[in-house]
């Protein structure tokens, strides 16, 4: 008997279809709008300030605050660029004949004090107040210094406290230098400290100056009287406080203890 016939199954051959390359269409680059030219302030504003400054220079003892105020606006708003100047210093030199140092001193006064305070104390004393506030270790504004007493050295060598309104500009600047030197001494290592210790009178006077300045910040502000009663090797201070709220007593004692070290 013959074996059964086997039929071969047809084999399927898969032919891969050719892959067409993908074409990408580049997007057009966005068109940038032309940059707008920088809008400069009005030249007329600069001319008004310049004429005002030149006029007030003739009576600078009374007009120094207004000059400083105009210079502040010219510098802050870059008004000098409307006249073609690339820097504030160039404008000062060519237009108003001010040195950079003088201009910035007047601008400091205008930034820190009102016109009324400027006319009350004058240019030199307010520059001293700025130096005194900068030298003081506490965070104080120059206008606060005008309410404090200034440490002044008397002809006999002792240090006394004088109201700011009565102190001269030279005494105020000297007091600022004295405070600055004390801060420098405190930052020096113990091996480099000077061997000459301050006199007891000067220490008490310094304590009184710092205590007055710190207690004046209390709110509500009480009536405070601090007085140096002793001299020589046995200086003493008398303290009288009126109208002090009991809730502020601990704060007052801590402030005094801070400066009594």
Foldseek 3Di string as FASTA:
>chain_A
DDDDDDDDDDDDDDDDDDDDDDDDDDDDDDDDDDDDPDDADDLVLVVVLLVVLQVCVVVCFLCLLVNLVSLVCCQVRVSVVVVVDPDSQVCCCPRVNDHPVSSVLSVVCNVQDDSVVCNLQTSLLLSLLCLQCVLDPDNDGSVLQQQAWAFAQDPVGATDTHHSSPDDSVRSNVSSVVSNVVVVLVPDDPVPHDPDDDAPRNLVRVLVRQLRSVQCPDVVRWDWDWAWDDDDNDIDIDIDTPPDDPVCPVVSVVSSVVSVD
